[in-house]
Amino acid sequence: MLHEGTGVADFVKAHSPSIILLDLMLPGKDGLEVCKEIRQFSNVPIMMLTAKVEEIDRLLGLELGADDYICKPYSPREVVARVKAILRRTTTMEQNSTQVIEVDEPSLKVKIKELDLDLTVVEFQLFSMLYSEPGRIFSRDQIMSQVYSDYRVVSDRTIDSHVKKLRKKIQQALPDTELIFSVYGAGYKFEPL
């Protein structure tokens, strides 16, 4: 167990934990900085623990890649239950996704149930980004900076349009199934079957 933020990323790289319980108010680097740093190289589930109850702090933690957020004081039983739920969900997501969906980065191809989706480069990048971290909410700003690496100016509506087209193409392979969800006021996330 580490008691300051400066060594957490190196520890995660060296030990590959199954889940991280991350306090928001750490000395050295705070939990938000640590979460952001970990998300640059790992999809390990992260649960933020904090005394801060402000909605903006919770939203910021989730936007930076935390999977859950629990405010102090909390019961140890609730923490254990939430950890079990996150681990159960992430394990199930990984198993289910690999059986139905194939993402081939070099060829920019996505296959769902053996059906090739005819995606544009932007649609592929969008799908690949969301698919790489199931359950994580990506803001429109995060999507724009990732998908449009040439820093061209695009509006939120452009991202919404790409998501709409991508959903339509996914529907061809999986009728009546939703994989990409809107999170009101926050962005988009991928939830596997």
Protein backbone atom coordinates (compact mmCIF):
# COMPACT_ATOMS: atom_id res chain seq x y z
CA MET A 1 0.00 0.00 0.00
CA LEU A 2 1.35 3.42 -0.98
CA HIS A 3 0.64 6.54 1.06
CA GLU A 4 1.59 9.21 -1.45
CA GLY A 5 0.81 9.80 -5.10
CA THR A 6 4.31 10.12 -6.55
CA GLY A 7 5.11 6.38 -6.73
CA VAL A 8 1.72 4.97 -7.72
CA ALA A 9 2.16 4.81 -11.51
CA ASP A 10 5.50 3.01 -11.21
CA PHE A 11 3.97 0.59 -8.69
CA VAL A 12 1.07 -0.17 -11.06
CA LYS A 13 3.50 -0.79 -13.95
CA ALA A 14 5.59 -3.15 -11.81
CA HIS A 15 2.78 -5.09 -10.11
CA SER A 16 -0.29 -5.03 -12.44
CA PRO A 17 -2.97 -4.89 -9.69
CA SER A 18 -6.51 -6.14 -10.37
CA ILE A 19 -8.05 -2.92 -9.01
CA ILE A 20 -6.85 0.35 -7.46
CA LEU A 21 -8.48 2.10 -4.51
CA LEU A 22 -7.25 5.66 -4.93
CA ASP A 23 -7.69 8.42 -2.38
CA LEU A 24 -8.33 11.81 -3.96
CA MET A 25 -6.27 13.75 -1.41
CA LEU A 26 -2.78 12.21 -1.47
CA PRO A 27 0.44 14.04 -0.69
CA GLY A 28 2.88 14.50 -3.57
CA LYS A 29 0.38 14.03 -6.40
CA ASP A 30 -3.35 14.10 -5.79
CA GLY A 31 -5.62 11.24 -6.83
CA LEU A 32 -6.87 13.00 -9.96
CA GLU A 33 -3.31 13.44 -11.27
CA VAL A 34 -2.49 9.82 -10.42
CA CYS A 35 -5.67 8.56 -12.14
CA LYS A 36 -4.86 10.56 -15.28
CA GLU A 37 -1.28 9.22 -15.27
CA ILE A 38 -2.41 5.59 -14.89
CA ARG A 39 -4.96 5.93 -17.69
CA GLN A 40 -2.15 6.76 -20.11
CA PHE A 41 -0.90 3.15 -19.93
CA SER A 42 -3.45 0.95 -18.13
CA ASN A 43 -7.16 0.06 -18.07
CA VAL A 44 -6.99 -1.31 -14.51
CA PRO A 45 -10.25 -0.54 -12.66
CA ILE A 46 -9.91 2.49 -10.35
CA MET A 47 -12.22 3.36 -7.45
CA MET A 48 -11.77 6.87 -6.07
CA LEU A 49 -12.12 7.32 -2.29
CA THR A 50 -12.65 10.83 -1.01
CA ALA A 51 -14.01 13.16 1.62
CA LYS A 52 -14.98 15.61 -1.14
CA VAL A 53 -18.67 15.36 -1.86
CA GLU A 54 -18.96 18.05 -4.51
CA GLU A 55 -20.49 16.78 -7.76
CA ILE A 56 -17.76 18.48 -9.84
CA ASP A 57 -15.06 16.46 -8.05
CA ARG A 58 -16.91 13.21 -8.69
CA LEU A 59 -17.51 14.07 -12.34
CA LEU A 60 -13.88 15.07 -12.82
CA GLY A 61 -12.71 11.78 -11.31
CA LEU A 62 -15.03 9.78 -13.58
CA GLU A 63 -14.06 11.85 -16.62
CA LEU A 64 -10.37 11.18 -15.97
CA GLY A 65 -11.05 7.44 -16.05
CA ALA A 66 -12.15 6.31 -12.60
CA ASP A 67 -14.65 3.44 -12.68
CA ASP A 68 -16.42 4.33 -9.44
CA TYR A 69 -16.37 6.98 -6.74
CA ILE A 70 -17.21 6.60 -3.05
CA CYS A 71 -17.40 9.39 -0.46
CA LYS A 72 -16.23 9.21 3.15
CA PRO A 73 -17.48 8.15 5.57
CA TYR A 74 -18.24 4.80 3.97
CA SER A 75 -18.68 1.33 5.33
CA PRO A 76 -16.01 -1.26 4.57
CA ARG A 77 -18.82 -3.58 3.44
CA GLU A 78 -19.91 -1.08 0.79
CA VAL A 79 -16.33 -0.75 -0.48
CA VAL A 80 -15.96 -4.54 -0.70
CA ALA A 81 -19.34 -4.86 -2.49
CA ARG A 82 -18.41 -2.16 -5.01
CA VAL A 83 -14.98 -3.70 -5.64
CA LYS A 84 -16.58 -7.10 -6.26
CA ALA A 85 -19.11 -5.52 -8.65
CA ILE A 86 -16.40 -3.71 -10.62
CA LEU A 87 -14.23 -6.83 -10.88
CA ARG A 88 -17.23 -8.96 -11.88
CA ARG A 89 -18.26 -6.43 -14.53
CA THR A 90 -14.77 -5.93 -16.01
CA THR A 91 -14.08 -9.68 -16.14
CA THR A 92 -17.44 -10.37 -17.82
CA MET A 93 -16.92 -7.49 -20.28
CA GLU A 94 -13.51 -8.80 -21.34
CA GLN A 95 -14.81 -12.34 -21.83
CA ASN A 96 -17.95 -11.34 -23.75
CA SER A 97 -16.30 -8.73 -25.95
CA THR A 98 -13.54 -10.99 -27.18
CA GLN A 99 -16.10 -13.59 -28.29
CA VAL A 100 -18.17 -11.22 -30.45
CA ILE A 101 -16.04 -8.21 -31.39
CA GLU A 102 -12.65 -8.10 -33.11
CA VAL A 103 -10.72 -4.84 -33.50
CA ASP A 104 -7.75 -4.93 -35.86
CA GLU A 105 -5.74 -1.71 -35.44
CA PRO A 106 -3.28 -2.18 -38.35
CA SER A 107 -6.04 -2.67 -40.92
CA LEU A 108 -8.52 -0.27 -39.24
CA LYS A 109 -11.15 -3.03 -39.28
CA VAL A 110 -13.86 -3.92 -36.79
CA LYS A 111 -15.69 -7.24 -37.00
CA ILE A 112 -18.85 -7.92 -35.04
CA LYS A 113 -20.12 -11.49 -35.21
CA GLU A 114 -17.91 -12.11 -38.25
CA LEU A 115 -19.44 -9.15 -40.10
CA ASP A 116 -17.00 -6.44 -41.22
CA LEU A 117 -18.23 -2.96 -40.36
CA ASP A 118 -17.59 -0.46 -43.13
CA LEU A 119 -16.14 2.32 -40.95
CA THR A 120 -14.45 5.58 -41.86
CA VAL A 121 -11.09 6.30 -40.21
CA VAL A 122 -12.75 8.65 -37.71
CA GLU A 123 -15.46 6.09 -36.89
CA PHE A 124 -12.82 3.40 -36.40
CA GLN A 125 -10.79 5.64 -34.07
CA LEU A 126 -13.92 6.54 -32.13
CA PHE A 127 -14.99 2.90 -31.76
CA SER A 128 -11.48 1.77 -30.87
CA MET A 129 -11.16 4.46 -28.20
CA LEU A 130 -14.48 3.61 -26.52
CA TYR A 131 -13.95 -0.16 -26.89
CA SER A 132 -10.47 -0.01 -25.31
CA GLU A 133 -11.92 1.02 -21.94
CA PRO A 134 -15.38 -0.52 -21.43
CA GLY A 135 -17.54 1.41 -19.02
CA ARG A 136 -15.34 4.51 -19.03
CA ILE A 137 -17.10 7.74 -19.93
CA PHE A 138 -15.23 9.81 -22.51
CA SER A 139 -16.17 13.49 -22.75
CA ARG A 140 -16.65 15.04 -26.17
CA ASP A 141 -13.45 17.04 -25.62
CA GLN A 142 -11.48 13.84 -24.93
CA ILE A 143 -12.95 12.23 -28.05
CA MET A 144 -12.16 15.28 -30.19
CA SER A 145 -8.54 15.45 -29.05
CA GLN A 146 -8.04 11.70 -29.63
CA VAL A 147 -9.92 11.31 -32.91
CA TYR A 148 -8.83 14.60 -34.46
CA SER A 149 -5.11 14.51 -33.72
CA ASP A 150 -4.50 17.27 -36.31
CA TYR A 151 -6.26 19.68 -33.88
CA ARG A 152 -8.80 20.87 -36.43
CA VAL A 153 -11.76 22.63 -34.89
CA VAL A 154 -14.88 20.50 -34.73
CA SER A 155 -18.07 20.99 -32.77
CA ASP A 156 -19.76 18.72 -30.25
CA ARG A 157 -22.40 18.05 -32.88
CA THR A 158 -19.76 16.58 -35.20
CA ILE A 159 -18.92 13.98 -32.53
CA ASP A 160 -22.64 13.30 -31.99
CA SER A 161 -23.01 12.77 -35.74
CA HIS A 162 -20.11 10.27 -35.82
CA VAL A 163 -21.59 8.38 -32.87
CA LYS A 164 -25.00 8.25 -34.58
CA LYS A 165 -23.47 6.82 -37.79
CA LEU A 166 -21.37 4.34 -35.81
CA ARG A 167 -24.41 3.13 -33.87
CA LYS A 168 -26.29 2.63 -37.15
CA LYS A 169 -23.46 0.47 -38.55
CA ILE A 170 -23.28 -1.57 -35.32
CA GLN A 171 -27.05 -2.13 -35.56
CA GLN A 172 -26.51 -3.88 -38.91
CA ALA A 173 -24.42 -6.54 -37.16
CA LEU A 174 -26.30 -6.56 -33.85
CA PRO A 175 -29.93 -5.54 -34.38
CA ASP A 176 -31.71 -4.24 -31.27
CA THR A 177 -28.41 -4.09 -29.35
CA GLU A 178 -26.80 -0.97 -27.94
CA LEU A 179 -23.04 -0.87 -27.38
CA ILE A 180 -22.38 2.88 -27.28
CA PHE A 181 -24.31 4.86 -24.69
CA SER A 182 -24.77 8.58 -24.13
CA VAL A 183 -24.20 9.76 -20.57
CA TYR A 184 -26.15 12.99 -20.18
CA GLY A 185 -23.85 15.96 -19.61
CA ALA A 186 -20.72 13.77 -19.54
CA GLY A 187 -20.09 12.08 -22.91
CA TYR A 188 -20.14 8.54 -24.31
CA LYS A 189 -19.17 5.08 -23.14
CA PHE A 190 -18.93 1.56 -24.55
CA GLU A 191 -20.71 -1.25 -22.70
CA PRO A 192 -20.18 -4.73 -24.10
CA LEU A 193 -22.82 -7.43 -24.47
